[in-house]
Amino acid sequence: MAKIIVAENPLNEMSIARELLPPSLDATYARAGSPEFEAALAEAVALVGFGDGTMDDAFYKRAPKLKLIQLLSAGYDRIDIEAARRAGVPVSNNGGANSTAVAEHAIMLMLAVSRSLIWQHGNVAGGRWRGNNASEVKLYEMYGKTLGVVGLGTIGRKTAKLARAFGMRVQYYDVNRLSEEHAEGIGVRFALLEELLRTSDIVSLHVPLLAATKHMISAPQLQMMKKSAYLINTCRGPVVDEPALIEALNNGTIAGAGLDVFDQEPPPPNNPLFAMQNVVLTAHFAGPTWDTQYSRFRNGFDNCQRVIRGEKPLWVIPELADLIA
């Protein structure tokens, strides 16, 4: 029976992991760095969990039989990619297990900022009904508006599909372009990034955090956007230059933002975003719905079984794809 480790984490529901664990796998459930975790490393052929900054060369030396790092997240920015390469261990993300959840969350943030949902709730709960000056409030529909999707991977495509159901026009920017036929088939059109920023009513970010994407949305890009536009970020906080965003929200460069991710997580208590009326904030909670607990463990265990059978793992991150070529 093949031995694997399932890393315990507050975002992982271990009862579901135990329910779905195939009989062919012998799992140790332990928090990273615990004595139980360290003891299991010597025999483990796969590790299922989130990216951990402690997975350096020394980590792989303590796990000589390891054949797969199976992430439960879509992002992999906390992975030491070069250490994994030196150890010859492929890293797979969650195979789109949370794509529906994140796409729905992005749409929720779009609706919430367009309708000033937090402001409305505060008024009703505070006994102000429609506020102190309802004539100054501007609420917007999504129908007929243009959505700009930056990053048309699995999550970006599902977000685009949901947006089209609301009657939105969808344009996208991605370094990997679709064929015209494919783009037409899913109802999107390609735009240059600067063009997308200038012409979109809502910009939704769905890119991995890489050197090329860090602060890809900063002051110059925010200046390109419409004053009536909203920025939605459900990917990674550092994709956006947060101080530049705060300034843009304060001075009216853009109308508002919906953010599930931040530069620092959790954000410090004095983060200026907390006091703003034109933002909606959530706690990096777009992905871990109850439903995705099942889909990501199911995907993860399937990939473990593939590797144990001698097959190539699915969903290996692009930077390590050559390890299974």
C-alpha atoms as a PDB file:
ATOM      1  CA  MET A   1       0.000   0.000   0.000  1.00  0.00           C
ATOM      2  CA  ALA A   2       1.488   3.335  -1.080  1.00  0.00           C
ATOM      3  CA  LYS A   3       2.112   5.886   1.644  1.00  0.00           C
ATOM      4  CA  ILE A   4       1.127   9.528   1.197  1.00  0.00           C
ATOM      5  CA  ILE A   5       0.883  12.558   3.471  1.00  0.00           C
ATOM      6  CA  VAL A   6      -2.196  14.772   3.617  1.00  0.00           C
ATOM      7  CA  ALA A   7      -1.133  18.045   5.211  1.00  0.00           C
ATOM      8  CA  GLU A   8      -3.600  19.306   7.771  1.00  0.00           C
ATOM      9  CA  ASN A   9      -4.679  22.924   7.399  1.00  0.00           C
ATOM     10  CA  PRO A  10      -7.664  24.947   8.689  1.00  0.00           C
ATOM     11  CA  LEU A  11      -8.900  25.153   5.078  1.00  0.00           C
ATOM     12  CA  ASN A  12      -8.828  21.364   4.643  1.00  0.00           C
ATOM     13  CA  GLU A  13     -11.730  19.266   5.888  1.00  0.00           C
ATOM     14  CA  MET A  14     -10.009  16.078   6.967  1.00  0.00           C
ATOM     15  CA  SER A  15     -13.273  14.158   7.316  1.00  0.00           C
ATOM     16  CA  ILE A  16     -13.806  14.535   3.572  1.00  0.00           C
ATOM     17  CA  ALA A  17     -10.223  13.486   2.857  1.00  0.00           C
ATOM     18  CA  ARG A  18     -10.753  10.352   4.925  1.00  0.00           C
ATOM     19  CA  GLU A  19     -14.084   9.683   3.221  1.00  0.00           C
ATOM     20  CA  LEU A  20     -12.581   9.883  -0.271  1.00  0.00           C
ATOM     21  CA  LEU A  21      -9.206   8.223   0.380  1.00  0.00           C
ATOM     22  CA  PRO A  22      -8.895   5.204  -1.972  1.00  0.00           C
ATOM     23  CA  PRO A  23      -8.093   1.851  -0.309  1.00  0.00           C
ATOM     24  CA  SER A  24      -4.824   1.689  -2.252  1.00  0.00           C
ATOM     25  CA  LEU A  25      -3.444   4.711  -0.394  1.00  0.00           C
ATOM     26  CA  ASP A  26      -2.162   4.762   3.174  1.00  0.00           C
ATOM     27  CA  ALA A  27      -2.414   8.346   4.365  1.00  0.00           C
ATOM     28  CA  THR A  28      -0.797  10.129   7.292  1.00  0.00           C
ATOM     29  CA  TYR A  29      -2.786  13.213   8.252  1.00  0.00           C
ATOM     30  CA  ALA A  30      -0.474  15.713   9.923  1.00  0.00           C
ATOM     31  CA  ARG A  31       0.310  19.411  10.077  1.00  0.00           C
ATOM     32  CA  ALA A  32       3.452  20.407   8.161  1.00  0.00           C
ATOM     33  CA  GLY A  33       6.485  20.433  10.423  1.00  0.00           C
ATOM     34  CA  SER A  34       4.899  18.300  13.146  1.00  0.00           C
ATOM     35  CA  PRO A  35       6.723  15.189  14.418  1.00  0.00           C
ATOM     36  CA  GLU A  36       4.121  12.980  12.686  1.00  0.00           C
ATOM     37  CA  PHE A  37       4.661  14.816   9.411  1.00  0.00           C
ATOM     38  CA  GLU A  38       8.441  14.545   9.618  1.00  0.00           C
ATOM     39  CA  ALA A  39       8.295  10.863  10.498  1.00  0.00           C
ATOM     40  CA  ALA A  40       6.091  10.129   7.488  1.00  0.00           C
ATOM     41  CA  LEU A  41       8.368  11.915   5.010  1.00  0.00           C
ATOM     42  CA  ALA A  42      10.851   9.049   4.766  1.00  0.00           C
ATOM     43  CA  GLU A  43       8.338   6.681   3.140  1.00  0.00           C
ATOM     44  CA  ALA A  44       5.904   9.083   1.475  1.00  0.00           C
ATOM     45  CA  VAL A  45       5.543   8.918  -2.317  1.00  0.00           C
ATOM     46  CA  ALA A  46       3.204  11.909  -2.506  1.00  0.00           C
ATOM     47  CA  LEU A  47       2.326  14.976  -0.448  1.00  0.00           C
ATOM     48  CA  VAL A  48      -1.169  16.447  -0.722  1.00  0.00           C
ATOM     49  CA  GLY A  49      -1.650  19.970   0.640  1.00  0.00           C
ATOM     50  CA  PHE A  50      -0.938  23.643   0.070  1.00  0.00           C
ATOM     51  CA  GLY A  51       2.309  25.278  -0.971  1.00  0.00           C
ATOM     52  CA  ASP A  52       4.763  25.694   1.879  1.00  0.00           C
ATOM     53  CA  GLY A  53       7.762  27.987   1.910  1.00  0.00           C
ATOM     54  CA  THR A  54       9.698  25.427   3.981  1.00  0.00           C
ATOM     55  CA  MET A  55       9.884  22.912   1.107  1.00  0.00           C
ATOM     56  CA  ASP A  56      13.529  23.548   0.276  1.00  0.00           C
ATOM     57  CA  ASP A  57      16.390  21.225  -0.702  1.00  0.00           C
ATOM     58  CA  ALA A  58      16.633  19.884   2.847  1.00  0.00           C
ATOM     59  CA  PHE A  59      12.929  19.006   2.764  1.00  0.00           C
ATOM     60  CA  TYR A  60      13.352  16.870  -0.355  1.00  0.00           C
ATOM     61  CA  LYS A  61      16.386  15.126   1.151  1.00  0.00           C
ATOM     62  CA  ARG A  62      14.170  14.066   4.048  1.00  0.00           C
ATOM     63  CA  ALA A  63      11.659  12.658   1.526  1.00  0.00           C
ATOM     64  CA  PRO A  64      13.762  10.473  -0.801  1.00  0.00           C
ATOM     65  CA  LYS A  65      10.795   8.478  -2.178  1.00  0.00           C
ATOM     66  CA  LEU A  66       8.648  11.519  -3.016  1.00  0.00           C
ATOM     67  CA  LYS A  67       7.278  11.473  -6.573  1.00  0.00           C
ATOM     68  CA  LEU A  68       4.629  14.194  -6.438  1.00  0.00           C
ATOM     69  CA  ILE A  69       3.684  17.414  -4.663  1.00  0.00           C
ATOM     70  CA  GLN A  70      -0.076  17.614  -5.128  1.00  0.00           C
ATOM     71  CA  LEU A  71      -1.463  21.043  -4.313  1.00  0.00           C
ATOM     72  CA  LEU A  72      -5.042  21.609  -3.225  1.00  0.00           C
ATOM     73  CA  SER A  73      -4.835  25.183  -4.496  1.00  0.00           C
ATOM     74  CA  ALA A  74      -4.734  26.603  -8.003  1.00  0.00           C
ATOM     75  CA  GLY A  75      -1.907  28.989  -7.136  1.00  0.00           C
ATOM     76  CA  TYR A  76       1.629  27.801  -6.508  1.00  0.00           C
ATOM     77  CA  ASP A  77       3.507  31.000  -5.671  1.00  0.00           C
ATOM     78  CA  ARG A  78       4.671  29.636  -2.283  1.00  0.00           C
ATOM     79  CA  ILE A  79       6.409  26.668  -3.911  1.00  0.00           C
ATOM     80  CA  ASP A  80      10.197  26.661  -4.224  1.00  0.00           C
ATOM     81  CA  ILE A  81      10.120  25.599  -7.858  1.00  0.00           C
ATOM     82  CA  GLU A  82      13.874  25.256  -8.263  1.00  0.00           C
ATOM     83  CA  ALA A  83      14.172  23.043  -5.178  1.00  0.00           C
ATOM     84  CA  ALA A  84      11.472  20.787  -6.637  1.00  0.00           C
ATOM     85  CA  ARG A  85      13.343  20.730  -9.944  1.00  0.00           C
ATOM     86  CA  ARG A  86      16.616  19.771  -8.302  1.00  0.00           C
ATOM     87  CA  ALA A  87      14.816  16.947  -6.523  1.00  0.00           C
ATOM     88  CA  GLY A  88      13.094  15.882  -9.742  1.00  0.00           C
ATOM     89  CA  VAL A  89       9.656  16.068  -8.100  1.00  0.00           C
ATOM     90  CA  PRO A  90       6.782  17.436 -10.226  1.00  0.00           C
ATOM     91  CA  VAL A  91       4.299  19.827  -8.642  1.00  0.00           C
ATOM     92  CA  SER A  92       0.644  19.697  -9.689  1.00  0.00           C
ATOM     93  CA  ASN A  93      -2.041  22.208  -8.843  1.00  0.00           C
ATOM     94  CA  ASN A  94      -5.643  21.263  -8.125  1.00  0.00           C
ATOM     95  CA  GLY A  95      -6.762  20.695 -11.708  1.00  0.00           C
ATOM     96  CA  GLY A  96      -9.404  23.396 -11.667  1.00  0.00           C
ATOM     97  CA  ALA A  97     -11.138  21.935  -8.611  1.00  0.00           C
ATOM     98  CA  ASN A  98     -11.990  25.392  -7.282  1.00  0.00           C
ATOM     99  CA  SER A  99     -12.618  27.064 -10.645  1.00  0.00           C
ATOM    100  CA  THR A 100     -16.401  27.213 -10.326  1.00  0.00           C
ATOM    101  CA  ALA A 101     -16.169  28.545  -6.768  1.00  0.00           C
ATOM    102  CA  VAL A 102     -13.715  31.303  -7.694  1.00  0.00           C
ATOM    103  CA  ALA A 103     -15.651  32.264 -10.819  1.00  0.00           C
ATOM    104  CA  GLU A 104     -18.872  32.548  -8.803  1.00  0.00           C
ATOM    105  CA  HIS A 105     -17.035  34.585  -6.168  1.00  0.00           C
ATOM    106  CA  ALA A 106     -15.738  36.973  -8.818  1.00  0.00           C
ATOM    107  CA  ILE A 107     -19.279  37.493 -10.105  1.00  0.00           C
ATOM    108  CA  MET A 108     -20.487  38.023  -6.535  1.00  0.00           C
ATOM    109  CA  LEU A 109     -17.894  40.762  -6.017  1.00  0.00           C
ATOM    110  CA  MET A 110     -18.909  42.388  -9.315  1.00  0.00           C
ATOM    111  CA  LEU A 111     -22.543  42.488  -8.217  1.00  0.00           C
ATOM    112  CA  ALA A 112     -21.657  43.662  -4.729  1.00  0.00           C
ATOM    113  CA  VAL A 113     -19.581  46.649  -5.863  1.00  0.00           C
ATOM    114  CA  SER A 114     -21.951  47.549  -8.701  1.00  0.00           C
ATOM    115  CA  ARG A 115     -24.906  47.677  -6.278  1.00  0.00           C
ATOM    116  CA  SER A 116     -22.966  49.079  -3.270  1.00  0.00           C
ATOM    117  CA  LEU A 117     -24.113  46.050  -1.317  1.00  0.00           C
ATOM    118  CA  ILE A 118     -22.090  46.707   1.852  1.00  0.00           C
ATOM    119  CA  TRP A 119     -23.291  50.321   1.971  1.00  0.00           C
ATOM    120  CA  GLN A 120     -26.882  49.183   1.522  1.00  0.00           C
ATOM    121  CA  HIS A 121     -26.606  46.566   4.262  1.00  0.00           C
ATOM    122  CA  GLY A 122     -25.050  49.096   6.647  1.00  0.00           C
ATOM    123  CA  ASN A 123     -27.850  51.546   6.053  1.00  0.00           C
ATOM    124  CA  VAL A 124     -30.649  49.050   6.588  1.00  0.00           C
ATOM    125  CA  ALA A 125     -29.002  47.509   9.656  1.00  0.00           C
ATOM    126  CA  GLY A 126     -28.331  50.994  11.035  1.00  0.00           C
ATOM    127  CA  GLY A 127     -31.926  52.157  10.641  1.00  0.00           C
ATOM    128  CA  ARG A 128     -31.197  54.544   7.768  1.00  0.00           C
ATOM    129  CA  TRP A 129     -33.226  52.589   5.179  1.00  0.00           C
ATOM    130  CA  ARG A 130     -31.931  54.194   1.964  1.00  0.00           C
ATOM    131  CA  GLY A 131     -29.225  56.267   3.528  1.00  0.00           C
ATOM    132  CA  ASN A 132     -29.063  59.928   4.385  1.00  0.00           C
ATOM    133  CA  ASN A 133     -29.074  61.146   0.789  1.00  0.00           C
ATOM    134  CA  ALA A 134     -30.438  58.536  -1.595  1.00  0.00           C
ATOM    135  CA  SER A 135     -30.343  60.954  -4.570  1.00  0.00           C
ATOM    136  CA  GLU A 136     -26.527  60.783  -4.601  1.00  0.00           C
ATOM    137  CA  VAL A 137     -26.371  57.005  -4.826  1.00  0.00           C
ATOM    138  CA  LYS A 138     -25.556  55.425  -8.161  1.00  0.00           C
ATOM    139  CA  LEU A 139     -26.224  51.715  -8.526  1.00  0.00           C
ATOM    140  CA  TYR A 140     -25.404  49.880 -11.744  1.00  0.00           C
ATOM    141  CA  GLU A 141     -26.531  46.802 -13.645  1.00  0.00           C
ATOM    142  CA  MET A 142     -24.097  44.371 -15.204  1.00  0.00           C
ATOM    143  CA  TYR A 143     -26.262  43.787 -18.260  1.00  0.00           C
ATOM    144  CA  GLY A 144     -24.768  45.406 -21.364  1.00  0.00           C
ATOM    145  CA  LYS A 145     -21.508  46.275 -19.634  1.00  0.00           C
ATOM    146  CA  THR A 146     -18.066  45.137 -20.840  1.00  0.00           C
ATOM    147  CA  LEU A 147     -16.064  42.737 -18.705  1.00  0.00           C
ATOM    148  CA  GLY A 148     -12.322  42.520 -19.213  1.00  0.00           C
ATOM    149  CA  VAL A 149     -10.884  39.188 -18.089  1.00  0.00           C
ATOM    150  CA  VAL A 150      -7.122  39.253 -17.538  1.00  0.00           C
ATOM    151  CA  GLY A 151      -5.979  35.637 -17.702  1.00  0.00           C
ATOM    152  CA  LEU A 152      -8.222  33.224 -19.561  1.00  0.00           C
ATOM    153  CA  GLY A 153      -7.350  29.972 -17.832  1.00  0.00           C
ATOM    154  CA  THR A 154      -9.956  27.650 -16.380  1.00  0.00           C
ATOM    155  CA  ILE A 155     -11.205  30.195 -13.830  1.00  0.00           C
ATOM    156  CA  GLY A 156     -11.115  33.071 -16.308  1.00  0.00           C
ATOM    157  CA  ARG A 157     -13.159  31.109 -18.832  1.00  0.00           C
ATOM    158  CA  LYS A 158     -15.777  30.128 -16.260  1.00  0.00           C
ATOM    159  CA  THR A 159     -16.001  33.748 -15.113  1.00  0.00           C
ATOM    160  CA  ALA A 160     -16.492  34.814 -18.719  1.00  0.00           C
ATOM    161  CA  LYS A 161     -19.234  32.219 -19.188  1.00  0.00           C
ATOM    162  CA  LEU A 162     -21.116  33.394 -16.098  1.00  0.00           C
ATOM    163  CA  ALA A 163     -20.730  37.028 -17.126  1.00  0.00           C
ATOM    164  CA  ARG A 164     -22.234  36.309 -20.516  1.00  0.00           C
ATOM    165  CA  ALA A 165     -25.264  34.833 -18.748  1.00  0.00           C
ATOM    166  CA  PHE A 166     -25.731  38.288 -17.215  1.00  0.00           C
ATOM    167  CA  GLY A 167     -25.706  39.826 -20.687  1.00  0.00           C
ATOM    168  CA  MET A 168     -22.193  41.229 -20.484  1.00  0.00           C
ATOM    169  CA  ARG A 169     -19.815  41.628 -23.390  1.00  0.00           C
ATOM    170  CA  VAL A 170     -16.541  39.859 -22.585  1.00  0.00           C
ATOM    171  CA  GLN A 171     -13.054  40.630 -23.811  1.00  0.00           C
ATOM    172  CA  TYR A 172      -9.872  39.011 -22.558  1.00  0.00           C
ATOM    173  CA  TYR A 173      -6.133  39.410 -22.417  1.00  0.00           C
ATOM    174  CA  ASP A 174      -3.815  36.439 -22.029  1.00  0.00           C
ATOM    175  CA  VAL A 175      -0.279  35.739 -23.199  1.00  0.00           C
ATOM    176  CA  ASN A 176      -1.667  32.483 -24.608  1.00  0.00           C
ATOM    177  CA  ARG A 177      -4.210  33.541 -27.215  1.00  0.00           C
ATOM    178  CA  LEU A 178      -7.131  31.428 -28.290  1.00  0.00           C
ATOM    179  CA  SER A 179      -7.748  30.816 -31.954  1.00  0.00           C
ATOM    180  CA  GLU A 180     -10.370  33.146 -33.394  1.00  0.00           C
ATOM    181  CA  GLU A 181     -12.682  30.175 -33.849  1.00  0.00           C
ATOM    182  CA  HIS A 182     -12.294  29.095 -30.221  1.00  0.00           C
ATOM    183  CA  ALA A 183     -12.762  32.631 -28.910  1.00  0.00           C
ATOM    184  CA  GLU A 184     -15.884  33.089 -30.994  1.00  0.00           C
ATOM    185  CA  GLY A 185     -17.199  29.748 -29.787  1.00  0.00           C
ATOM    186  CA  ILE A 186     -17.065  30.782 -26.128  1.00  0.00           C
ATOM    187  CA  GLY A 187     -18.162  34.347 -26.794  1.00  0.00           C
ATOM    188  CA  VAL A 188     -15.035  36.322 -25.995  1.00  0.00           C
ATOM    189  CA  ARG A 189     -12.698  38.503 -28.018  1.00  0.00           C
ATOM    190  CA  PHE A 190      -9.015  39.212 -27.556  1.00  0.00           C
ATOM    191  CA  ALA A 191      -7.861  42.695 -26.574  1.00  0.00           C
ATOM    192  CA  LEU A 192      -4.446  44.120 -25.838  1.00  0.00           C
ATOM    193  CA  LEU A 193      -4.032  44.715 -22.118  1.00  0.00           C
ATOM    194  CA  GLU A 194      -4.021  48.504 -22.458  1.00  0.00           C
ATOM    195  CA  GLU A 195      -7.072  48.362 -24.719  1.00  0.00           C
ATOM    196  CA  LEU A 196      -8.881  46.102 -22.266  1.00  0.00           C
ATOM    197  CA  LEU A 197      -8.164  48.447 -19.372  1.00  0.00           C
ATOM    198  CA  ARG A 198      -9.379  51.501 -21.291  1.00  0.00           C
ATOM    199  CA  THR A 199     -12.627  49.974 -22.533  1.00  0.00           C
ATOM    200  CA  SER A 200     -13.856  47.638 -19.771  1.00  0.00           C
ATOM    201  CA  ASP A 201     -16.482  48.561 -17.206  1.00  0.00           C
ATOM    202  CA  ILE A 202     -15.225  45.805 -14.912  1.00  0.00           C
ATOM    203  CA  VAL A 203     -11.728  44.270 -14.965  1.00  0.00           C
ATOM    204  CA  SER A 204     -11.375  40.830 -13.347  1.00  0.00           C
ATOM    205  CA  LEU A 205      -7.922  39.365 -12.667  1.00  0.00           C
ATOM    206  CA  HIS A 206      -7.236  35.626 -13.068  1.00  0.00           C
ATOM    207  CA  VAL A 207      -3.471  35.218 -13.518  1.00  0.00           C
ATOM    208  CA  PRO A 208      -0.929  33.256 -11.468  1.00  0.00           C
ATOM    209  CA  LEU A 209       1.546  35.228  -9.375  1.00  0.00           C
ATOM    210  CA  LEU A 210       4.815  35.157 -11.308  1.00  0.00           C
ATOM    211  CA  ALA A 211       7.657  37.611 -11.732  1.00  0.00           C
ATOM    212  CA  ALA A 212       5.932  38.851 -14.898  1.00  0.00           C
ATOM    213  CA  THR A 213       2.561  39.374 -13.202  1.00  0.00           C
ATOM    214  CA  LYS A 214       3.645  40.975  -9.923  1.00  0.00           C
ATOM    215  CA  HIS A 215       2.213  44.524  -9.875  1.00  0.00           C
ATOM    216  CA  MET A 216       0.989  44.136 -13.440  1.00  0.00           C
ATOM    217  CA  ILE A 217      -1.815  46.443 -12.301  1.00  0.00           C
ATOM    218  CA  SER A 218      -0.149  49.548 -10.872  1.00  0.00           C
ATOM    219  CA  ALA A 219      -0.650  53.305 -11.117  1.00  0.00           C
ATOM    220  CA  PRO A 220      -0.198  53.588 -14.927  1.00  0.00           C
ATOM    221  CA  GLN A 221      -2.652  50.762 -15.578  1.00  0.00           C
ATOM    222  CA  LEU A 222      -5.203  52.127 -13.113  1.00  0.00           C
ATOM    223  CA  GLN A 223      -4.955  55.509 -14.825  1.00  0.00           C
ATOM    224  CA  MET A 224      -5.991  53.824 -18.088  1.00  0.00           C
ATOM    225  CA  MET A 225      -9.240  52.537 -16.630  1.00  0.00           C
ATOM    226  CA  LYS A 226     -12.571  54.328 -16.787  1.00  0.00           C
ATOM    227  CA  LYS A 227     -13.464  56.447 -13.781  1.00  0.00           C
ATOM    228  CA  SER A 228     -16.663  54.394 -13.582  1.00  0.00           C
ATOM    229  CA  ALA A 229     -14.835  51.048 -13.697  1.00  0.00           C
ATOM    230  CA  TYR A 230     -14.415  48.422 -11.001  1.00  0.00           C
ATOM    231  CA  LEU A 231     -11.402  46.174 -10.387  1.00  0.00           C
ATOM    232  CA  ILE A 232     -11.964  42.614  -9.162  1.00  0.00           C
ATOM    233  CA  ASN A 233      -9.084  40.510  -7.830  1.00  0.00           C
ATOM    234  CA  THR A 234      -9.571  36.869  -6.832  1.00  0.00           C
ATOM    235  CA  CYS A 235      -6.134  35.564  -7.900  1.00  0.00           C
ATOM    236  CA  ARG A 236      -3.211  36.845  -5.801  1.00  0.00           C
ATOM    237  CA  GLY A 237      -2.785  40.138  -3.947  1.00  0.00           C
ATOM    238  CA  PRO A 238       0.634  41.173  -5.295  1.00  0.00           C
ATOM    239  CA  VAL A 239      -0.685  41.086  -8.873  1.00  0.00           C
ATOM    240  CA  VAL A 240      -2.003  44.537  -7.911  1.00  0.00           C
ATOM    241  CA  ASP A 241       0.169  47.332  -6.518  1.00  0.00           C
ATOM    242  CA  GLU A 242      -1.943  47.814  -3.386  1.00  0.00           C
ATOM    243  CA  PRO A 243      -0.753  51.340  -2.436  1.00  0.00           C
ATOM    244  CA  ALA A 244      -1.441  52.458  -6.011  1.00  0.00           C
ATOM    245  CA  LEU A 245      -4.908  50.906  -5.849  1.00  0.00           C
ATOM    246  CA  ILE A 246      -5.647  52.623  -2.543  1.00  0.00           C
ATOM    247  CA  GLU A 247      -4.655  55.958  -4.056  1.00  0.00           C
ATOM    248  CA  ALA A 248      -6.798  55.301  -7.146  1.00  0.00           C
ATOM    249  CA  LEU A 249      -9.810  54.446  -4.982  1.00  0.00           C
ATOM    250  CA  ASN A 250      -9.290  57.542  -2.833  1.00  0.00           C
ATOM    251  CA  ASN A 251      -8.944  60.018  -5.670  1.00  0.00           C
ATOM    252  CA  GLY A 252     -11.644  58.653  -7.964  1.00  0.00           C
ATOM    253  CA  THR A 253      -9.355  57.236 -10.624  1.00  0.00           C
ATOM    254  CA  ILE A 254     -11.637  54.175 -10.574  1.00  0.00           C
ATOM    255  CA  ALA A 255     -15.061  53.734  -9.003  1.00  0.00           C
ATOM    256  CA  GLY A 256     -14.383  50.784  -6.732  1.00  0.00           C
ATOM    257  CA  ALA A 257     -12.917  47.340  -6.193  1.00  0.00           C
ATOM    258  CA  GLY A 258     -13.838  43.858  -5.035  1.00  0.00           C
ATOM    259  CA  LEU A 259     -10.888  42.089  -3.417  1.00  0.00           C
ATOM    260  CA  ASP A 260     -10.479  38.565  -2.101  1.00  0.00           C
ATOM    261  CA  VAL A 261      -6.679  38.807  -1.880  1.00  0.00           C
ATOM    262  CA  PHE A 262      -4.181  41.285  -0.467  1.00  0.00           C
ATOM    263  CA  ASP A 263      -0.481  42.154  -0.466  1.00  0.00           C
ATOM    264  CA  GLN A 264      -0.209  40.876   3.084  1.00  0.00           C
ATOM    265  CA  GLU A 265      -2.535  38.164   4.367  1.00  0.00           C
ATOM    266  CA  PRO A 266      -4.128  38.697   6.755  1.00  0.00           C
ATOM    267  CA  PRO A 267      -3.940  42.451   6.144  1.00  0.00           C
ATOM    268  CA  PRO A 268      -2.731  44.673   8.999  1.00  0.00           C
ATOM    269  CA  PRO A 269      -5.540  46.271  11.034  1.00  0.00           C
ATOM    270  CA  ASN A 270      -4.627  49.749   9.779  1.00  0.00           C
ATOM    271  CA  ASN A 271      -5.013  48.850   6.089  1.00  0.00           C
ATOM    272  CA  PRO A 272      -6.749  51.881   4.485  1.00  0.00           C
ATOM    273  CA  LEU A 273      -8.995  49.570   2.437  1.00  0.00           C
ATOM    274  CA  PHE A 274     -10.955  48.750   5.603  1.00  0.00           C
ATOM    275  CA  ALA A 275     -12.300  52.286   5.873  1.00  0.00           C
ATOM    276  CA  MET A 276     -13.359  52.693   2.243  1.00  0.00           C
ATOM    277  CA  GLN A 277     -16.977  52.704   1.168  1.00  0.00           C
ATOM    278  CA  ASN A 278     -16.247  51.783  -2.461  1.00  0.00           C
ATOM    279  CA  VAL A 279     -14.679  48.382  -1.829  1.00  0.00           C
ATOM    280  CA  VAL A 280     -15.953  44.919  -0.936  1.00  0.00           C
ATOM    281  CA  LEU A 281     -13.447  42.688   0.848  1.00  0.00           C
ATOM    282  CA  THR A 282     -13.361  38.957   1.504  1.00  0.00           C
ATOM    283  CA  ALA A 283     -10.714  36.853   3.254  1.00  0.00           C
ATOM    284  CA  HIS A 284      -9.110  34.843   0.405  1.00  0.00           C
ATOM    285  CA  PHE A 285     -12.206  32.685   0.627  1.00  0.00           C
ATOM    286  CA  ALA A 286     -13.175  32.439  -3.037  1.00  0.00           C
ATOM    287  CA  GLY A 287     -11.927  28.891  -3.470  1.00  0.00           C
ATOM    288  CA  PRO A 288     -12.558  26.840  -0.315  1.00  0.00           C
ATOM    289  CA  THR A 289     -16.288  26.170  -0.514  1.00  0.00           C
ATOM    290  CA  TRP A 290     -17.676  22.956   0.948  1.00  0.00           C
ATOM    291  CA  ASP A 291     -18.146  21.660  -2.601  1.00  0.00           C
ATOM    292  CA  THR A 292     -14.509  22.175  -3.529  1.00  0.00           C
ATOM    293  CA  GLN A 293     -13.399  20.126  -0.537  1.00  0.00           C
ATOM    294  CA  TYR A 294     -14.655  17.110  -2.455  1.00  0.00           C
ATOM    295  CA  SER A 295     -13.421  18.088  -5.912  1.00  0.00           C
ATOM    296  CA  ARG A 296      -9.893  18.993  -4.883  1.00  0.00           C
ATOM    297  CA  PHE A 297      -9.332  15.887  -2.717  1.00  0.00           C
ATOM    298  CA  ARG A 298     -10.828  13.756  -5.487  1.00  0.00           C
ATOM    299  CA  ASN A 299      -8.452  15.286  -8.039  1.00  0.00           C
ATOM    300  CA  GLY A 300      -5.502  15.038  -5.661  1.00  0.00           C
ATOM    301  CA  PHE A 301      -5.988  11.375  -4.809  1.00  0.00           C
ATOM    302  CA  ASP A 302      -6.535  10.491  -8.457  1.00  0.00           C
ATOM    303  CA  ASN A 303      -3.210  12.116  -9.334  1.00  0.00           C
ATOM    304  CA  CYS A 304      -1.462  10.247  -6.528  1.00  0.00           C
ATOM    305  CA  GLN A 305      -2.790   6.972  -7.883  1.00  0.00           C
ATOM    306  CA  ARG A 306      -1.627   7.859 -11.404  1.00  0.00           C
ATOM    307  CA  VAL A 307       1.929   8.462 -10.227  1.00  0.00           C
ATOM    308  CA  ILE A 308       1.964   5.285  -8.145  1.00  0.00           C
ATOM    309  CA  ARG A 309       0.853   3.309 -11.226  1.00  0.00           C
ATOM    310  CA  GLY A 310       3.787   4.759 -13.129  1.00  0.00           C
ATOM    311  CA  GLU A 311       1.703   7.162 -15.200  1.00  0.00           C
ATOM    312  CA  LYS A 312       2.372  10.850 -15.743  1.00  0.00           C
ATOM    313  CA  PRO A 313       0.608  13.165 -13.288  1.00  0.00           C
ATOM    314  CA  LEU A 314      -1.965  15.638 -14.533  1.00  0.00           C
ATOM    315  CA  TRP A 315      -1.913  19.430 -14.001  1.00  0.00           C
ATOM    316  CA  VAL A 316       1.857  19.772 -13.535  1.00  0.00           C
ATOM    317  CA  ILE A 317       2.727  23.461 -13.281  1.00  0.00           C
ATOM    318  CA  PRO A 318       4.234  24.832 -16.523  1.00  0.00           C
ATOM    319  CA  GLU A 319       7.631  25.566 -14.989  1.00  0.00           C
ATOM    320  CA  LEU A 320       8.149  21.853 -14.226  1.00  0.00           C
ATOM    321  CA  ALA A 321       6.397  20.300 -17.202  1.00  0.00           C
ATOM    322  CA  ASP A 322       9.733  19.113 -18.590  1.00  0.00           C
ATOM    323  CA  LEU A 323      10.095  16.725 -15.616  1.00  0.00           C
ATOM    324  CA  ILE A 324       7.381  14.513 -17.098  1.00  0.00           C
ATOM    325  CA  ALA A 325       8.135  15.081 -20.783  1.00  0.00           C
END
